[in-house]
Structures are given as structure tokens and as C-alpha cells.
Amino acid sequence: MILVFVVAPVRVYREELARGLERSAELRVLGTAATGEEARDRVQRLGADVVLLDASTPAGVVSARTIRQATAGAGLVALAASEDDDSVIACAEAGVAAFVARDASLDELVATTRAVAHGELPAHSARIAAALLRRVADGAGPTAHAALAPLTSRERQIVALIDEGLSNKEIAARLCIELSTVKNHVHNLLEKLGVRGRAAAAARVRAALHAGR
């Protein structure tokens, strides 16, 4: 059973969404809230596996960041987020693991929730990595370029996927390459960035992108 919490400012929307999700035998909705501030203690206390957030406004990113700061255990899914790169990157930096489009069906939402709960990468979440890479390629600024210049295109791709929370094994599957190849790339990019761990590498990239805006 996957434990789900819904965060959305419009009461009718979040309650109808909760009722729809409850029809799935795989999901149990623990509760709903209007904001991340209202939800964070309940999400942590109830042990939610996945939090679904209305990301149609900037408040959704704030809610994601608030919940992520309170608990790292729950996977975050952004609902109805804008599809421009700035919005995608803002959600990714707030800890969002997957996106569900405005016109997605309930079945698609359930499938994405299941994937996030199981630590898998929904196919459309490759948009996060693509958006990060486009930001670097299309003028993130001199700070970002200087920080990432030593990395090959493959290393940049891998560090973006690390930032999504993927393991080496998951990255290998996503990129259709050998696990040993991923490990070699990770070792090389850590050396080039001058950091000791995967999380530090991802943080270095995020900091560079922020500074280069």
C-alpha cells in the first residue's frame, strides 16, 4: 500500500483528487492540506510515501521546499506545473521527483505515484535533466559555465540525474549503459568538481546554476 498526501490550495480540487485516488487499490490517502506549512508535520508524522502538490502557482514550489526540509522520506510529485524550463528547474531544486501534466488522466497520476514510491524514474521526468542541461547550454551565466566546463556532456547528464535522486544502477538503466561505466563517470566528475560525494556534486551544480542566473 502506497501512502499519499495531497497538498493544494483549492479545497474542492484536493478533496476530489483524494477521492479519485482512493479508488485505486494501491493507494491510501492519509489526508489533504492547503499549504506545505500546514502539511509538513502531518506528512512526517503519518509517514507518507508520496506527496502530491499543486504546482500550478509559485506557491507549489514553496510547499515542496517546506515539505522537503521537514522530511526527506516522501517523494514529491508536482501537479499541473508550467512546462517552461524555469518552472521545471525550480521544482527540481525544491526536491520534486516527477511531474504530472495538466491534462493527465487519473491512471497516469496513479502510475507516476507508484513509480516515485518505488524509487523509479517516470519516463517524463527526464525533462528535469534536459532542462538543467539546456540551462547550462543556453546561457546559465559565467559562474555556471566555469563550474561545469571540466565536465563532459555525459558527466553533466549523469550529475543532473544524480540531482534527481537516482542511484548509479537507475542511471545505468535510464541511459542504457553499463553500471561500471556510470561508476567511472561518477568517479571522474567528483574529481573534476573537487567534491567527495554524489550529493555534494549535485549541490555544486545547483549552486552554479543559481549563481549564473
N, C-alpha and C. Protein backbone atom coordinates (compact mmCIF):
# COMPACT_ATOMS: atom_id res chain seq x y z
N MET A 1 0.84 -1.20 0.00
CA MET A 1 0.00 0.00 0.00
C MET A 1 0.88 1.26 0.00
N ILE A 2 0.59 2.18 -0.92
CA ILE A 2 1.33 3.43 -1.02
C ILE A 2 0.56 4.52 -0.29
N LEU A 3 1.22 5.17 0.67
CA LEU A 3 0.59 6.19 1.49
C LEU A 3 0.80 7.56 0.86
N VAL A 4 -0.30 8.27 0.59
CA VAL A 4 -0.26 9.51 -0.20
C VAL A 4 -0.85 10.66 0.60
N PHE A 5 -0.27 11.84 0.41
CA PHE A 5 -0.81 13.07 1.00
C PHE A 5 -0.96 14.08 -0.14
N VAL A 6 -2.06 14.84 -0.12
CA VAL A 6 -2.36 15.80 -1.19
C VAL A 6 -2.28 17.23 -0.66
N VAL A 7 -1.54 18.09 -1.37
CA VAL A 7 -1.41 19.49 -0.99
C VAL A 7 -1.87 20.37 -2.16
N ALA A 8 -2.93 21.12 -1.95
CA ALA A 8 -3.46 22.01 -2.98
C ALA A 8 -4.27 23.10 -2.31
N PRO A 9 -4.18 24.34 -2.78
CA PRO A 9 -4.86 25.44 -2.11
C PRO A 9 -6.38 25.43 -2.24
N VAL A 10 -6.89 24.84 -3.32
CA VAL A 10 -8.34 24.81 -3.56
C VAL A 10 -8.93 23.56 -2.92
N ARG A 11 -9.79 23.77 -1.95
CA ARG A 11 -10.32 22.65 -1.17
C ARG A 11 -11.08 21.64 -2.02
N VAL A 12 -11.95 22.13 -2.90
CA VAL A 12 -12.73 21.22 -3.74
C VAL A 12 -11.81 20.35 -4.59
N TYR A 13 -10.78 20.97 -5.15
CA TYR A 13 -9.84 20.24 -6.00
C TYR A 13 -9.13 19.15 -5.23
N ARG A 14 -8.57 19.48 -4.06
CA ARG A 14 -7.79 18.49 -3.33
C ARG A 14 -8.67 17.36 -2.78
N GLU A 15 -9.89 17.70 -2.39
CA GLU A 15 -10.77 16.66 -1.86
C GLU A 15 -11.27 15.74 -2.97
N GLU A 16 -11.57 16.29 -4.13
CA GLU A 16 -11.98 15.46 -5.26
C GLU A 16 -10.82 14.58 -5.73
N LEU A 17 -9.62 15.14 -5.74
CA LEU A 17 -8.44 14.38 -6.12
C LEU A 17 -8.22 13.23 -5.15
N ALA A 18 -8.36 13.51 -3.86
CA ALA A 18 -8.20 12.47 -2.85
C ALA A 18 -9.21 11.35 -3.04
N ARG A 19 -10.46 11.71 -3.34
CA ARG A 19 -11.49 10.68 -3.55
C ARG A 19 -11.17 9.84 -4.78
N GLY A 20 -10.67 10.49 -5.83
CA GLY A 20 -10.32 9.74 -7.02
C GLY A 20 -9.19 8.77 -6.77
N LEU A 21 -8.17 9.22 -6.03
CA LEU A 21 -7.03 8.36 -5.74
C LEU A 21 -7.42 7.17 -4.87
N GLU A 22 -8.37 7.38 -3.98
CA GLU A 22 -8.81 6.31 -3.07
C GLU A 22 -9.44 5.15 -3.83
N ARG A 23 -9.84 5.38 -5.07
CA ARG A 23 -10.43 4.30 -5.86
C ARG A 23 -9.39 3.27 -6.29
N SER A 24 -8.13 3.67 -6.23
CA SER A 24 -7.06 2.73 -6.58
C SER A 24 -6.75 1.84 -5.39
N ALA A 25 -6.71 0.54 -5.62
CA ALA A 25 -6.42 -0.41 -4.53
C ALA A 25 -5.00 -0.26 -4.02
N GLU A 26 -4.13 0.39 -4.81
CA GLU A 26 -2.72 0.53 -4.43
C GLU A 26 -2.46 1.70 -3.50
N LEU A 27 -3.40 2.67 -3.47
CA LEU A 27 -3.13 3.92 -2.76
C LEU A 27 -4.04 4.09 -1.55
N ARG A 28 -3.48 4.73 -0.54
CA ARG A 28 -4.27 5.16 0.61
C ARG A 28 -3.95 6.62 0.87
N VAL A 29 -4.96 7.48 0.82
CA VAL A 29 -4.76 8.91 1.05
C VAL A 29 -4.82 9.19 2.55
N LEU A 30 -3.71 9.68 3.09
CA LEU A 30 -3.61 9.95 4.52
C LEU A 30 -4.30 11.24 4.92
N GLY A 31 -4.39 12.18 3.98
CA GLY A 31 -5.01 13.45 4.29
C GLY A 31 -4.70 14.48 3.23
N THR A 32 -5.24 15.69 3.42
CA THR A 32 -5.01 16.79 2.49
C THR A 32 -4.73 18.06 3.28
N ALA A 33 -4.11 19.02 2.60
CA ALA A 33 -3.81 20.31 3.23
C ALA A 33 -3.74 21.37 2.15
N ALA A 34 -3.89 22.62 2.56
CA ALA A 34 -3.88 23.73 1.61
C ALA A 34 -2.47 24.18 1.26
N THR A 35 -1.55 24.08 2.22
CA THR A 35 -0.18 24.57 2.02
C THR A 35 0.84 23.57 2.57
N GLY A 36 2.08 23.75 2.16
CA GLY A 36 3.15 22.91 2.69
C GLY A 36 3.35 23.13 4.18
N GLU A 37 3.17 24.37 4.61
CA GLU A 37 3.31 24.70 6.03
C GLU A 37 2.31 23.91 6.86
N GLU A 38 1.09 23.83 6.35
CA GLU A 38 0.03 23.09 7.03
C GLU A 38 0.26 21.59 6.96
N ALA A 39 0.91 21.14 5.89
CA ALA A 39 1.06 19.70 5.66
C ALA A 39 2.29 19.08 6.29
N ARG A 40 3.35 19.84 6.47
CA ARG A 40 4.66 19.23 6.74
C ARG A 40 4.69 18.34 7.98
N ASP A 41 4.11 18.79 9.09
CA ASP A 41 4.15 17.99 10.31
C ASP A 41 3.32 16.72 10.15
N ARG A 42 2.20 16.83 9.46
CA ARG A 42 1.35 15.66 9.25
C ARG A 42 2.01 14.66 8.32
N VAL A 43 2.66 15.15 7.28
CA VAL A 43 3.35 14.27 6.34
C VAL A 43 4.42 13.47 7.07
N GLN A 44 5.17 14.15 7.93
CA GLN A 44 6.23 13.49 8.68
C GLN A 44 5.66 12.51 9.71
N ARG A 45 4.64 12.95 10.42
CA ARG A 45 4.07 12.12 11.48
C ARG A 45 3.37 10.88 10.92
N LEU A 46 2.66 11.04 9.83
CA LEU A 46 1.90 9.94 9.25
C LEU A 46 2.74 9.03 8.37
N GLY A 47 3.94 9.48 8.01
CA GLY A 47 4.84 8.65 7.21
C GLY A 47 4.41 8.48 5.77
N ALA A 48 4.02 9.57 5.12
CA ALA A 48 3.59 9.50 3.72
C ALA A 48 4.74 9.04 2.82
N ASP A 49 4.41 8.19 1.86
CA ASP A 49 5.40 7.76 0.87
C ASP A 49 5.54 8.78 -0.25
N VAL A 50 4.42 9.38 -0.64
CA VAL A 50 4.40 10.33 -1.76
C VAL A 50 3.49 11.51 -1.40
N VAL A 51 3.96 12.72 -1.71
CA VAL A 51 3.14 13.92 -1.54
C VAL A 51 2.86 14.49 -2.93
N LEU A 52 1.58 14.67 -3.24
CA LEU A 52 1.17 15.27 -4.49
C LEU A 52 0.89 16.75 -4.26
N LEU A 53 1.57 17.62 -5.02
CA LEU A 53 1.48 19.06 -4.80
C LEU A 53 0.95 19.77 -6.03
N ASP A 54 -0.04 20.63 -5.83
CA ASP A 54 -0.50 21.51 -6.90
C ASP A 54 0.62 22.52 -7.17
N ALA A 55 1.25 22.42 -8.34
CA ALA A 55 2.36 23.32 -8.68
C ALA A 55 1.97 24.28 -9.78
N SER A 56 0.68 24.57 -9.90
CA SER A 56 0.22 25.48 -10.95
C SER A 56 0.55 26.94 -10.64
N THR A 57 0.95 27.23 -9.39
CA THR A 57 1.37 28.58 -9.00
C THR A 57 2.70 28.48 -8.26
N PRO A 58 3.42 29.59 -8.10
CA PRO A 58 4.70 29.56 -7.37
C PRO A 58 4.57 29.02 -5.95
N ALA A 59 3.37 29.11 -5.37
CA ALA A 59 3.16 28.60 -4.01
C ALA A 59 3.44 27.11 -3.94
N GLY A 60 3.26 26.40 -5.05
CA GLY A 60 3.52 24.97 -5.07
C GLY A 60 4.98 24.66 -4.82
N VAL A 61 5.87 25.47 -5.38
CA VAL A 61 7.31 25.28 -5.17
C VAL A 61 7.66 25.55 -3.71
N VAL A 62 7.05 26.57 -3.13
CA VAL A 62 7.27 26.88 -1.72
C VAL A 62 6.82 25.70 -0.85
N SER A 63 5.67 25.12 -1.18
CA SER A 63 5.18 23.97 -0.43
C SER A 63 6.13 22.79 -0.55
N ALA A 64 6.64 22.56 -1.75
CA ALA A 64 7.58 21.45 -1.96
C ALA A 64 8.83 21.64 -1.11
N ARG A 65 9.35 22.86 -1.12
CA ARG A 65 10.57 23.14 -0.36
C ARG A 65 10.32 22.98 1.15
N THR A 66 9.17 23.42 1.61
CA THR A 66 8.83 23.32 3.03
C THR A 66 8.75 21.86 3.47
N ILE A 67 8.10 21.03 2.66
CA ILE A 67 7.94 19.62 3.00
C ILE A 67 9.28 18.89 2.91
N ARG A 68 10.08 19.23 1.90
CA ARG A 68 11.38 18.58 1.76
C ARG A 68 12.29 18.90 2.95
N GLN A 69 12.22 20.11 3.45
CA GLN A 69 13.03 20.49 4.61
C GLN A 69 12.60 19.73 5.86
N ALA A 70 11.33 19.38 5.93
CA ALA A 70 10.81 18.68 7.10
C ALA A 70 11.06 17.19 7.05
N THR A 71 11.03 16.61 5.86
CA THR A 71 11.23 15.18 5.72
C THR A 71 11.81 14.85 4.36
N ALA A 72 12.80 14.00 4.36
CA ALA A 72 13.41 13.56 3.09
C ALA A 72 12.83 12.23 2.66
N GLY A 73 11.92 11.68 3.47
CA GLY A 73 11.41 10.34 3.20
C GLY A 73 10.33 10.26 2.14
N ALA A 74 9.59 11.33 1.94
CA ALA A 74 8.47 11.31 1.00
C ALA A 74 8.90 11.78 -0.38
N GLY A 75 8.45 11.09 -1.42
CA GLY A 75 8.69 11.54 -2.78
C GLY A 75 7.69 12.62 -3.15
N LEU A 76 8.15 13.65 -3.85
CA LEU A 76 7.28 14.78 -4.21
C LEU A 76 6.92 14.73 -5.68
N VAL A 77 5.63 14.88 -5.97
CA VAL A 77 5.13 14.90 -7.35
C VAL A 77 4.42 16.22 -7.59
N ALA A 78 4.83 16.95 -8.62
CA ALA A 78 4.23 18.24 -8.95
C ALA A 78 3.09 18.05 -9.94
N LEU A 79 1.93 18.60 -9.59
CA LEU A 79 0.76 18.51 -10.45
C LEU A 79 0.55 19.83 -11.18
N ALA A 80 0.33 19.74 -12.49
CA ALA A 80 -0.04 20.91 -13.31
C ALA A 80 1.01 22.02 -13.28
N ALA A 81 2.28 21.65 -13.17
CA ALA A 81 3.34 22.65 -13.20
C ALA A 81 3.50 23.21 -14.61
N SER A 82 3.92 24.46 -14.71
CA SER A 82 4.24 25.03 -16.02
C SER A 82 5.38 24.23 -16.64
N GLU A 83 5.41 24.15 -17.96
CA GLU A 83 6.38 23.31 -18.63
C GLU A 83 7.60 24.07 -19.12
N ASP A 84 7.72 25.36 -18.79
CA ASP A 84 8.92 26.09 -19.19
C ASP A 84 10.09 25.65 -18.30
N ASP A 85 11.30 25.84 -18.80
CA ASP A 85 12.50 25.36 -18.10
C ASP A 85 12.64 25.96 -16.71
N ASP A 86 12.33 27.25 -16.55
CA ASP A 86 12.48 27.89 -15.25
C ASP A 86 11.62 27.20 -14.20
N SER A 87 10.38 26.86 -14.57
CA SER A 87 9.48 26.21 -13.62
C SER A 87 9.93 24.80 -13.31
N VAL A 88 10.36 24.07 -14.32
CA VAL A 88 10.84 22.71 -14.12
C VAL A 88 12.05 22.69 -13.20
N ILE A 89 12.99 23.61 -13.45
CA ILE A 89 14.20 23.66 -12.63
C ILE A 89 13.86 24.08 -11.20
N ALA A 90 12.96 25.04 -11.05
CA ALA A 90 12.57 25.47 -9.70
C ALA A 90 11.97 24.32 -8.91
N CYS A 91 11.14 23.52 -9.57
CA CYS A 91 10.55 22.36 -8.90
C CYS A 91 11.62 21.33 -8.55
N ALA A 92 12.53 21.08 -9.49
CA ALA A 92 13.60 20.10 -9.24
C ALA A 92 14.46 20.53 -8.07
N GLU A 93 14.79 21.82 -8.01
CA GLU A 93 15.62 22.33 -6.92
C GLU A 93 14.89 22.25 -5.57
N ALA A 94 13.55 22.26 -5.61
CA ALA A 94 12.76 22.16 -4.38
C ALA A 94 12.58 20.72 -3.93
N GLY A 95 13.07 19.77 -4.75
CA GLY A 95 13.01 18.37 -4.36
C GLY A 95 11.97 17.53 -5.07
N VAL A 96 11.31 18.11 -6.10
CA VAL A 96 10.29 17.36 -6.84
C VAL A 96 10.93 16.24 -7.65
N ALA A 97 10.34 15.05 -7.58
CA ALA A 97 10.89 13.88 -8.26
C ALA A 97 10.22 13.62 -9.60
N ALA A 98 8.98 14.09 -9.78
CA ALA A 98 8.25 13.80 -11.01
C ALA A 98 7.18 14.85 -11.25
N PHE A 99 6.71 14.92 -12.50
CA PHE A 99 5.70 15.87 -12.90
C PHE A 99 4.50 15.14 -13.48
N VAL A 100 3.31 15.70 -13.28
CA VAL A 100 2.10 15.20 -13.92
C VAL A 100 1.46 16.38 -14.62
N ALA A 101 1.26 16.24 -15.92
CA ALA A 101 0.75 17.35 -16.73
C ALA A 101 -0.69 17.71 -16.38
N ARG A 102 -1.09 18.91 -16.79
CA ARG A 102 -2.43 19.40 -16.50
C ARG A 102 -3.51 18.50 -17.10
N ASP A 103 -3.22 17.92 -18.27
CA ASP A 103 -4.23 17.11 -18.96
C ASP A 103 -4.05 15.61 -18.73
N ALA A 104 -3.24 15.24 -17.73
CA ALA A 104 -3.00 13.82 -17.45
C ALA A 104 -4.27 13.17 -16.88
N SER A 105 -4.40 11.89 -17.12
CA SER A 105 -5.53 11.14 -16.59
C SER A 105 -5.23 10.68 -15.17
N LEU A 106 -6.27 10.21 -14.48
CA LEU A 106 -6.08 9.68 -13.13
C LEU A 106 -5.18 8.45 -13.16
N ASP A 107 -5.30 7.65 -14.20
CA ASP A 107 -4.44 6.46 -14.33
C ASP A 107 -2.98 6.86 -14.46
N GLU A 108 -2.71 7.93 -15.20
CA GLU A 108 -1.34 8.42 -15.35
C GLU A 108 -0.80 8.93 -14.02
N LEU A 109 -1.66 9.60 -13.26
CA LEU A 109 -1.25 10.09 -11.94
C LEU A 109 -0.93 8.93 -11.01
N VAL A 110 -1.76 7.91 -11.03
CA VAL A 110 -1.52 6.72 -10.19
C VAL A 110 -0.21 6.05 -10.59
N ALA A 111 0.03 5.93 -11.89
CA ALA A 111 1.26 5.28 -12.37
C ALA A 111 2.49 6.07 -11.94
N THR A 112 2.42 7.40 -12.02
CA THR A 112 3.56 8.22 -11.60
C THR A 112 3.77 8.11 -10.10
N THR A 113 2.70 8.12 -9.33
CA THR A 113 2.79 7.98 -7.88
C THR A 113 3.43 6.65 -7.52
N ARG A 114 3.02 5.59 -8.20
CA ARG A 114 3.60 4.27 -7.96
C ARG A 114 5.10 4.27 -8.25
N ALA A 115 5.48 4.87 -9.38
CA ALA A 115 6.89 4.89 -9.76
C ALA A 115 7.74 5.62 -8.73
N VAL A 116 7.27 6.78 -8.29
CA VAL A 116 8.02 7.58 -7.31
C VAL A 116 8.12 6.82 -5.98
N ALA A 117 7.04 6.18 -5.57
CA ALA A 117 7.05 5.43 -4.31
C ALA A 117 8.04 4.28 -4.34
N HIS A 118 8.25 3.71 -5.52
CA HIS A 118 9.17 2.58 -5.67
C HIS A 118 10.58 3.02 -6.05
N GLY A 119 10.81 4.32 -6.06
CA GLY A 119 12.15 4.82 -6.37
C GLY A 119 12.52 4.72 -7.83
N GLU A 120 11.51 4.64 -8.70
CA GLU A 120 11.75 4.53 -10.13
C GLU A 120 11.64 5.91 -10.77
N LEU A 121 12.13 6.01 -12.01
CA LEU A 121 12.11 7.28 -12.73
C LEU A 121 11.00 7.26 -13.77
N PRO A 122 9.92 8.02 -13.56
CA PRO A 122 8.90 8.11 -14.60
C PRO A 122 9.52 8.65 -15.88
N ALA A 123 9.10 8.14 -17.02
CA ALA A 123 9.76 8.50 -18.28
C ALA A 123 9.80 10.00 -18.51
N HIS A 124 8.70 10.70 -18.19
CA HIS A 124 8.67 12.13 -18.49
C HIS A 124 9.56 12.94 -17.56
N SER A 125 10.08 12.34 -16.47
CA SER A 125 10.92 13.10 -15.56
C SER A 125 12.30 13.36 -16.15
N ALA A 126 12.58 12.77 -17.29
CA ALA A 126 13.82 13.11 -17.99
C ALA A 126 13.82 14.59 -18.36
N ARG A 127 12.63 15.23 -18.36
CA ARG A 127 12.55 16.68 -18.62
C ARG A 127 13.40 17.46 -17.63
N ILE A 128 13.51 16.96 -16.41
CA ILE A 128 14.30 17.68 -15.40
C ILE A 128 15.75 17.76 -15.84
N ALA A 129 16.31 16.61 -16.19
CA ALA A 129 17.70 16.58 -16.64
C ALA A 129 17.88 17.41 -17.91
N ALA A 130 16.93 17.29 -18.83
CA ALA A 130 17.03 18.03 -20.09
C ALA A 130 17.00 19.53 -19.83
N ALA A 131 16.14 19.96 -18.93
CA ALA A 131 16.02 21.38 -18.62
C ALA A 131 17.30 21.91 -17.99
N LEU A 132 17.88 21.13 -17.09
CA LEU A 132 19.14 21.54 -16.46
C LEU A 132 20.24 21.70 -17.50
N LEU A 133 20.30 20.73 -18.42
CA LEU A 133 21.34 20.79 -19.44
C LEU A 133 21.12 21.96 -20.38
N ARG A 134 19.86 22.23 -20.72
CA ARG A 134 19.58 23.38 -21.59
C ARG A 134 19.97 24.68 -20.90
N ARG A 135 19.72 24.75 -19.59
CA ARG A 135 20.07 25.98 -18.86
C ARG A 135 21.58 26.23 -18.95
N VAL A 136 22.36 25.16 -18.83
CA VAL A 136 23.81 25.31 -18.93
C VAL A 136 24.21 25.70 -20.35
N ALA A 137 23.60 25.04 -21.34
CA ALA A 137 23.98 25.26 -22.73
C ALA A 137 23.53 26.62 -23.26
N ASP A 138 22.41 27.11 -22.76
CA ASP A 138 21.81 28.31 -23.33
C ASP A 138 22.08 29.59 -22.56
N GLY A 139 23.11 29.59 -21.74
CA GLY A 139 23.48 30.84 -21.10
C GLY A 139 23.13 30.93 -19.65
N ALA A 140 23.49 29.94 -18.87
CA ALA A 140 23.24 30.00 -17.43
C ALA A 140 24.11 31.07 -16.78
N GLY A 141 25.13 31.51 -17.48
CA GLY A 141 25.98 32.55 -16.92
C GLY A 141 27.39 32.06 -16.71
N PRO A 142 28.35 32.96 -16.57
CA PRO A 142 29.76 32.58 -16.46
C PRO A 142 30.07 31.70 -15.26
N THR A 143 29.39 31.89 -14.14
CA THR A 143 29.69 31.08 -12.97
C THR A 143 29.35 29.62 -13.23
N ALA A 144 28.17 29.39 -13.80
CA ALA A 144 27.75 28.03 -14.09
C ALA A 144 28.67 27.39 -15.12
N HIS A 145 29.00 28.14 -16.17
CA HIS A 145 29.87 27.59 -17.20
C HIS A 145 31.25 27.26 -16.63
N ALA A 146 31.77 28.10 -15.78
CA ALA A 146 33.09 27.86 -15.20
C ALA A 146 33.08 26.61 -14.33
N ALA A 147 32.02 26.43 -13.56
CA ALA A 147 31.94 25.28 -12.67
C ALA A 147 31.79 23.98 -13.45
N LEU A 148 31.04 24.01 -14.55
CA LEU A 148 30.73 22.79 -15.28
C LEU A 148 31.62 22.56 -16.49
N ALA A 149 32.44 23.53 -16.83
CA ALA A 149 33.29 23.41 -18.01
C ALA A 149 34.15 22.15 -18.03
N PRO A 150 34.69 21.69 -16.87
CA PRO A 150 35.54 20.50 -16.91
C PRO A 150 34.78 19.21 -17.24
N LEU A 151 33.46 19.22 -17.11
CA LEU A 151 32.68 18.00 -17.29
C LEU A 151 32.36 17.74 -18.76
N THR A 152 32.39 16.48 -19.13
CA THR A 152 31.94 16.10 -20.46
C THR A 152 30.41 16.17 -20.50
N SER A 153 29.82 16.09 -21.69
CA SER A 153 28.37 16.14 -21.81
C SER A 153 27.72 14.97 -21.06
N ARG A 154 28.36 13.80 -21.12
CA ARG A 154 27.83 12.63 -20.41
C ARG A 154 27.90 12.84 -18.89
N GLU A 155 28.98 13.41 -18.42
CA GLU A 155 29.12 13.67 -16.99
C GLU A 155 28.09 14.69 -16.51
N ARG A 156 27.81 15.69 -17.34
CA ARG A 156 26.77 16.67 -16.98
C ARG A 156 25.41 15.99 -16.91
N GLN A 157 25.16 15.10 -17.85
CA GLN A 157 23.90 14.37 -17.86
C GLN A 157 23.76 13.52 -16.60
N ILE A 158 24.84 12.87 -16.21
CA ILE A 158 24.80 11.99 -15.04
C ILE A 158 24.62 12.79 -13.76
N VAL A 159 25.30 13.92 -13.63
CA VAL A 159 25.16 14.71 -12.41
C VAL A 159 23.75 15.29 -12.31
N ALA A 160 23.11 15.58 -13.43
CA ALA A 160 21.73 16.04 -13.41
C ALA A 160 20.80 14.94 -12.91
N LEU A 161 21.07 13.70 -13.31
CA LEU A 161 20.26 12.57 -12.86
C LEU A 161 20.53 12.25 -11.39
N ILE A 162 21.77 12.44 -10.96
CA ILE A 162 22.07 12.30 -9.53
C ILE A 162 21.24 13.29 -8.74
N ASP A 163 21.10 14.51 -9.28
CA ASP A 163 20.35 15.54 -8.60
C ASP A 163 18.87 15.17 -8.49
N GLU A 164 18.40 14.31 -9.38
CA GLU A 164 17.02 13.83 -9.30
C GLU A 164 16.87 12.75 -8.24
N GLY A 165 17.99 12.26 -7.71
CA GLY A 165 17.92 11.23 -6.68
C GLY A 165 18.13 9.83 -7.19
N LEU A 166 18.57 9.67 -8.43
CA LEU A 166 18.76 8.34 -8.99
C LEU A 166 20.05 7.70 -8.48
N SER A 167 19.98 6.39 -8.27
CA SER A 167 21.18 5.62 -7.91
C SER A 167 21.99 5.36 -9.16
N ASN A 168 23.21 4.87 -8.98
CA ASN A 168 24.04 4.53 -10.15
C ASN A 168 23.34 3.48 -11.02
N LYS A 169 22.71 2.51 -10.37
CA LYS A 169 22.01 1.45 -11.10
C LYS A 169 20.86 2.03 -11.93
N GLU A 170 20.11 2.96 -11.34
CA GLU A 170 18.99 3.58 -12.04
C GLU A 170 19.48 4.45 -13.19
N ILE A 171 20.61 5.13 -12.99
CA ILE A 171 21.18 5.94 -14.07
C ILE A 171 21.61 5.05 -15.22
N ALA A 172 22.23 3.92 -14.91
CA ALA A 172 22.65 2.98 -15.95
C ALA A 172 21.46 2.52 -16.78
N ALA A 173 20.36 2.20 -16.09
CA ALA A 173 19.17 1.74 -16.79
C ALA A 173 18.58 2.85 -17.65
N ARG A 174 18.56 4.08 -17.10
CA ARG A 174 17.97 5.21 -17.82
C ARG A 174 18.75 5.54 -19.09
N LEU A 175 20.08 5.47 -18.99
CA LEU A 175 20.94 5.85 -20.12
C LEU A 175 21.34 4.67 -20.99
N CYS A 176 20.91 3.47 -20.56
CA CYS A 176 21.22 2.24 -21.32
C CYS A 176 22.73 2.03 -21.45
N ILE A 177 23.43 2.20 -20.32
CA ILE A 177 24.87 1.95 -20.30
C ILE A 177 25.19 1.03 -19.13
N GLU A 178 26.41 0.50 -19.09
CA GLU A 178 26.79 -0.42 -18.03
C GLU A 178 26.93 0.31 -16.69
N LEU A 179 26.62 -0.42 -15.61
CA LEU A 179 26.76 0.15 -14.27
C LEU A 179 28.21 0.57 -14.02
N SER A 180 29.16 -0.24 -14.48
CA SER A 180 30.57 0.10 -14.27
C SER A 180 30.94 1.40 -14.99
N THR A 181 30.30 1.66 -16.12
CA THR A 181 30.54 2.90 -16.86
C THR A 181 30.03 4.10 -16.06
N VAL A 182 28.86 3.95 -15.47
CA VAL A 182 28.31 5.02 -14.63
C VAL A 182 29.26 5.30 -13.46
N LYS A 183 29.73 4.25 -12.81
CA LYS A 183 30.62 4.42 -11.67
C LYS A 183 31.89 5.16 -12.07
N ASN A 184 32.42 4.84 -13.25
CA ASN A 184 33.62 5.53 -13.73
C ASN A 184 33.33 7.02 -13.97
N HIS A 185 32.18 7.31 -14.59
CA HIS A 185 31.81 8.70 -14.83
C HIS A 185 31.65 9.45 -13.52
N VAL A 186 30.99 8.82 -12.54
CA VAL A 186 30.78 9.47 -11.24
C VAL A 186 32.12 9.75 -10.57
N HIS A 187 33.01 8.78 -10.61
CA HIS A 187 34.34 8.98 -10.01
C HIS A 187 35.05 10.17 -10.67
N ASN A 188 34.98 10.23 -12.00
CA ASN A 188 35.67 11.31 -12.72
C ASN A 188 35.05 12.67 -12.43
N LEU A 189 33.71 12.74 -12.41
CA LEU A 189 33.09 14.05 -12.20
C LEU A 189 33.29 14.54 -10.76
N LEU A 190 33.37 13.62 -9.80
CA LEU A 190 33.67 14.03 -8.42
C LEU A 190 35.05 14.66 -8.34
N GLU A 191 36.01 14.04 -9.01
CA GLU A 191 37.37 14.58 -9.03
C GLU A 191 37.41 15.96 -9.71
N LYS A 192 36.72 16.08 -10.83
CA LYS A 192 36.73 17.34 -11.57
C LYS A 192 36.06 18.48 -10.79
N LEU A 193 35.00 18.13 -10.06
CA LEU A 193 34.28 19.15 -9.29
C LEU A 193 34.93 19.41 -7.94
N GLY A 194 35.87 18.53 -7.55
CA GLY A 194 36.56 18.71 -6.28
C GLY A 194 35.69 18.45 -5.06
N VAL A 195 34.78 17.47 -5.19
CA VAL A 195 33.88 17.14 -4.08
C VAL A 195 34.04 15.65 -3.75
N ARG A 196 33.52 15.27 -2.59
CA ARG A 196 33.73 13.90 -2.11
C ARG A 196 32.57 12.95 -2.35
N GLY A 197 31.39 13.48 -2.58
CA GLY A 197 30.24 12.59 -2.71
C GLY A 197 29.25 13.05 -3.76
N ARG A 198 28.31 12.15 -4.10
CA ARG A 198 27.31 12.43 -5.12
C ARG A 198 26.44 13.63 -4.75
N ALA A 199 26.00 13.68 -3.50
CA ALA A 199 25.14 14.77 -3.06
C ALA A 199 25.86 16.11 -3.18
N ALA A 200 27.14 16.11 -2.84
CA ALA A 200 27.92 17.34 -2.94
C ALA A 200 28.07 17.78 -4.39
N ALA A 201 28.20 16.81 -5.29
CA ALA A 201 28.32 17.14 -6.72
C ALA A 201 27.04 17.79 -7.22
N ALA A 202 25.90 17.20 -6.85
CA ALA A 202 24.62 17.76 -7.27
C ALA A 202 24.42 19.16 -6.69
N ALA A 203 24.81 19.34 -5.43
CA ALA A 203 24.68 20.64 -4.78
C ALA A 203 25.56 21.67 -5.47
N ARG A 204 26.74 21.26 -5.90
CA ARG A 204 27.67 22.17 -6.59
C ARG A 204 27.05 22.66 -7.90
N VAL A 205 26.40 21.74 -8.61
CA VAL A 205 25.76 22.11 -9.88
C VAL A 205 24.60 23.06 -9.63
N ARG A 206 23.77 22.76 -8.62
CA ARG A 206 22.65 23.65 -8.32
C ARG A 206 23.13 25.04 -7.95
N ALA A 207 24.18 25.10 -7.13
CA ALA A 207 24.71 26.39 -6.71
C ALA A 207 25.22 27.18 -7.91
N ALA A 208 25.89 26.49 -8.82
CA ALA A 208 26.42 27.14 -10.01
C ALA A 208 25.30 27.69 -10.87
N LEU A 209 24.22 26.91 -11.03
CA LEU A 209 23.10 27.35 -11.84
C LEU A 209 22.41 28.55 -11.21
N HIS A 210 22.25 28.53 -9.89
CA HIS A 210 21.65 29.66 -9.19
C HIS A 210 22.49 30.92 -9.39
N ALA A 211 23.79 30.76 -9.19
CA ALA A 211 24.68 31.93 -9.27
C ALA A 211 24.75 32.49 -10.68
N GLY A 212 24.53 31.61 -11.66
CA GLY A 212 24.65 32.05 -13.05
C GLY A 212 23.40 32.64 -13.66
N ARG A 213 22.32 32.69 -12.87
CA ARG A 213 21.08 33.24 -13.43
C ARG A 213 21.16 34.75 -13.59
